C-alpha atoms as a PDB file:
ATOM      1  CA  MET A   1      87.347 126.661  47.291  1.00  0.00           C
ATOM      2  CA  SER A   2      89.763 127.776  49.995  1.00  0.00           C
ATOM      3  CA  LYS A   3      88.576 128.987  53.391  1.00  0.00           C
ATOM      4  CA  VAL A   4      90.080 132.435  52.787  1.00  0.00           C
ATOM      5  CA  ILE A   5      88.111 132.921  49.579  1.00  0.00           C
ATOM      6  CA  GLU A   6      84.935 131.635  51.249  1.00  0.00           C
ATOM      7  CA  ALA A   7      85.402 134.125  54.115  1.00  0.00           C
ATOM      8  CA  VAL A   8      85.889 137.015  51.694  1.00  0.00           C
ATOM      9  CA  LEU A   9      82.821 136.023  49.682  1.00  0.00           C
ATOM     10  CA  ARG A  10      80.596 136.227  52.789  1.00  0.00           C
ATOM     11  CA  ARG A  11      81.247 139.958  53.281  1.00  0.00           C
ATOM     12  CA  LEU A  12      81.410 143.162  51.314  1.00  0.00           C
ATOM     13  CA  THR A  13      84.831 144.605  50.586  1.00  0.00           C
ATOM     14  CA  LYS A  14      85.492 148.263  51.369  1.00  0.00           C
ATOM     15  CA  TYR A  15      85.487 148.899  47.615  1.00  0.00           C
ATOM     16  CA  GLU A  16      82.056 147.307  47.193  1.00  0.00           C
ATOM     17  CA  ILE A  17      80.752 149.334  50.139  1.00  0.00           C
ATOM     18  CA  ALA A  18      82.062 152.546  48.557  1.00  0.00           C
ATOM     19  CA  ARG A  19      80.495 151.681  45.192  1.00  0.00           C
ATOM     20  CA  ILE A  20      77.122 150.739  46.702  1.00  0.00           C
ATOM     21  CA  VAL A  21      76.964 153.791  48.976  1.00  0.00           C
ATOM     22  CA  GLY A  22      78.004 156.065  46.104  1.00  0.00           C
ATOM     23  CA  ALA A  23      75.351 154.682  43.770  1.00  0.00           C
ATOM     24  CA  ARG A  24      72.626 154.913  46.416  1.00  0.00           C
ATOM     25  CA  ALA A  25      73.689 158.436  47.468  1.00  0.00           C
ATOM     26  CA  LEU A  26      73.380 159.515  43.826  1.00  0.00           C
ATOM     27  CA  GLN A  27      69.844 158.080  43.705  1.00  0.00           C
ATOM     28  CA  LEU A  28      68.947 159.941  46.909  1.00  0.00           C
ATOM     29  CA  SER A  29      70.407 163.205  45.613  1.00  0.00           C
ATOM     30  CA  PHE A  30      68.187 162.899  42.531  1.00  0.00           C
ATOM     31  CA  GLY A  31      65.090 162.560  44.714  1.00  0.00           C
ATOM     32  CA  ALA A  32      64.724 158.845  45.428  1.00  0.00           C
ATOM     33  CA  PRO A  33      62.840 158.278  48.684  1.00  0.00           C
ATOM     34  CA  PRO A  34      64.917 157.048  51.637  1.00  0.00           C
ATOM     35  CA  LEU A  35      64.315 153.451  52.708  1.00  0.00           C
ATOM     36  CA  ILE A  36      64.704 154.308  56.395  1.00  0.00           C
ATOM     37  CA  ASP A  37      62.727 156.588  58.718  1.00  0.00           C
ATOM     38  CA  LEU A  38      64.756 159.808  58.893  1.00  0.00           C
ATOM     39  CA  SER A  39      62.667 161.268  61.711  1.00  0.00           C
ATOM     40  CA  LYS A  40      64.226 158.762  64.144  1.00  0.00           C
ATOM     41  CA  LEU A  41      67.755 159.770  63.149  1.00  0.00           C
ATOM     42  CA  ASN A  42      69.483 162.796  64.551  1.00  0.00           C
ATOM     43  CA  ILE A  43      71.435 163.579  61.371  1.00  0.00           C
ATOM     44  CA  LYS A  44      71.494 166.167  58.657  1.00  0.00           C
ATOM     45  CA  LYS A  45      69.998 164.985  55.388  1.00  0.00           C
ATOM     46  CA  ASP A  46      73.281 164.047  53.733  1.00  0.00           C
ATOM     47  CA  PRO A  47      72.695 161.426  50.989  1.00  0.00           C
ATOM     48  CA  VAL A  48      75.987 159.645  51.747  1.00  0.00           C
ATOM     49  CA  ILE A  49      75.141 159.229  55.428  1.00  0.00           C
ATOM     50  CA  ILE A  50      71.603 158.091  54.620  1.00  0.00           C
ATOM     51  CA  ALA A  51      72.934 155.576  52.077  1.00  0.00           C
ATOM     52  CA  LEU A  52      75.471 154.203  54.561  1.00  0.00           C
ATOM     53  CA  ILE A  53      72.803 153.799  57.240  1.00  0.00           C
ATOM     54  CA  GLU A  54      70.525 152.069  54.721  1.00  0.00           C
ATOM     55  CA  LEU A  55      73.374 149.685  53.926  1.00  0.00           C
ATOM     56  CA  TYR A  56      74.082 149.138  57.645  1.00  0.00           C
ATOM     57  CA  GLU A  57      70.438 148.230  58.235  1.00  0.00           C
ATOM     58  CA  GLY A  58      70.419 145.893  55.220  1.00  0.00           C
ATOM     59  CA  VAL A  59      67.433 147.450  53.466  1.00  0.00           C
ATOM     60  CA  LEU A  60      69.004 148.205  50.082  1.00  0.00           C
ATOM     61  CA  PRO A  61      67.539 146.178  47.205  1.00  0.00           C
ATOM     62  CA  ILE A  62      70.890 145.955  45.431  1.00  0.00           C
ATOM     63  CA  THR A  63      72.720 142.891  44.133  1.00  0.00           C
ATOM     64  CA  THR A  64      76.480 142.660  43.798  1.00  0.00           C
ATOM     65  CA  CYS A  65      78.159 140.408  41.240  1.00  0.00           C
ATOM     66  CA  ARG A  66      81.689 139.080  41.520  1.00  0.00           C
ATOM     67  CA  VAL A  67      83.925 137.087  39.258  1.00  0.00           C
ATOM     68  CA  LEU A  68      85.528 134.283  41.252  1.00  0.00           C
ATOM     69  CA  PRO A  69      89.113 133.089  40.686  1.00  0.00           C
ATOM     70  CA  SER A  70      87.665 130.057  38.888  1.00  0.00           C
ATOM     71  CA  GLY A  71      86.046 132.414  36.361  1.00  0.00           C
ATOM     72  CA  ARG A  72      82.547 131.681  37.653  1.00  0.00           C
ATOM     73  CA  ARG A  73      80.298 134.687  38.284  1.00  0.00           C
ATOM     74  CA  GLU A  74      78.476 134.950  41.620  1.00  0.00           C
ATOM     75  CA  CYS A  75      75.651 137.407  42.280  1.00  0.00           C
ATOM     76  CA  LYS A  76      74.235 137.945  45.776  1.00  0.00           C
ATOM     77  CA  PRO A  77      71.841 140.444  47.301  1.00  0.00           C
ATOM     78  CA  VAL A  78      73.689 142.986  49.424  1.00  0.00           C
ATOM     79  CA  GLY A  79      71.446 142.117  52.381  1.00  0.00           C
ATOM     80  CA  GLU A  80      73.049 138.663  52.569  1.00  0.00           C
ATOM     81  CA  LEU A  81      76.547 140.156  52.733  1.00  0.00           C
ATOM     82  CA  VAL A  82      75.901 142.968  55.207  1.00  0.00           C
ATOM     83  CA  PRO A  83      75.928 140.912  58.458  1.00  0.00           C
ATOM     84  CA  GLU A  84      79.622 140.062  58.001  1.00  0.00           C
ATOM     85  CA  SER A  85      80.444 143.693  57.091  1.00  0.00           C
ATOM     86  CA  ARG A  86      78.303 145.348  59.730  1.00  0.00           C
ATOM     87  CA  GLU A  87      81.135 146.016  62.191  1.00  0.00           C
ATOM     88  CA  PHE A  88      83.173 147.860  59.535  1.00  0.00           C
ATOM     89  CA  ILE A  89      80.149 149.966  58.546  1.00  0.00           C
ATOM     90  CA  ARG A  90      79.350 150.734  62.221  1.00  0.00           C
ATOM     91  CA  ARG A  91      82.937 151.873  62.878  1.00  0.00           C
ATOM     92  CA  THR A  92      82.796 154.085  59.791  1.00  0.00           C
ATOM     93  CA  LEU A  93      79.561 155.721  60.949  1.00  0.00           C
ATOM     94  CA  GLU A  94      80.927 156.222  64.462  1.00  0.00           C
ATOM     95  CA  SER A  95      84.083 157.847  63.087  1.00  0.00           C
ATOM     96  CA  TRP A  96      81.727 160.414  61.501  1.00  0.00           C
ATOM     97  CA  GLY A  97      80.018 160.973  64.866  1.00  0.00           C
ATOM     98  CA  ILE A  98      76.911 158.949  63.976  1.00  0.00           C
ATOM     99  CA  HIS A  99      75.758 156.163  66.266  1.00  0.00           C
ATOM    100  CA  PRO A 100      73.362 153.793  64.484  1.00  0.00           C
END
């Protein structure tokens, strides 16, 4: 496998982040309990922001599956992919005026 593909497989794409945050925000809007302590955060209770912070902190019990160019399917827990994507998520939160 090429080094470029290996580098991409170690992080979440912006499309995967959007899909994960959207799915988790929907769960939160239907009453799912947050996986982070909201009392420590100085934010309004917006499900999208909460979901993005949960993703940033790597606490979401979600697995993402990808089909590789070889046709093989690879499934990984999101928590394993967050460290490489953390900077992108942090910049997104900061652009919204939230400092994790």
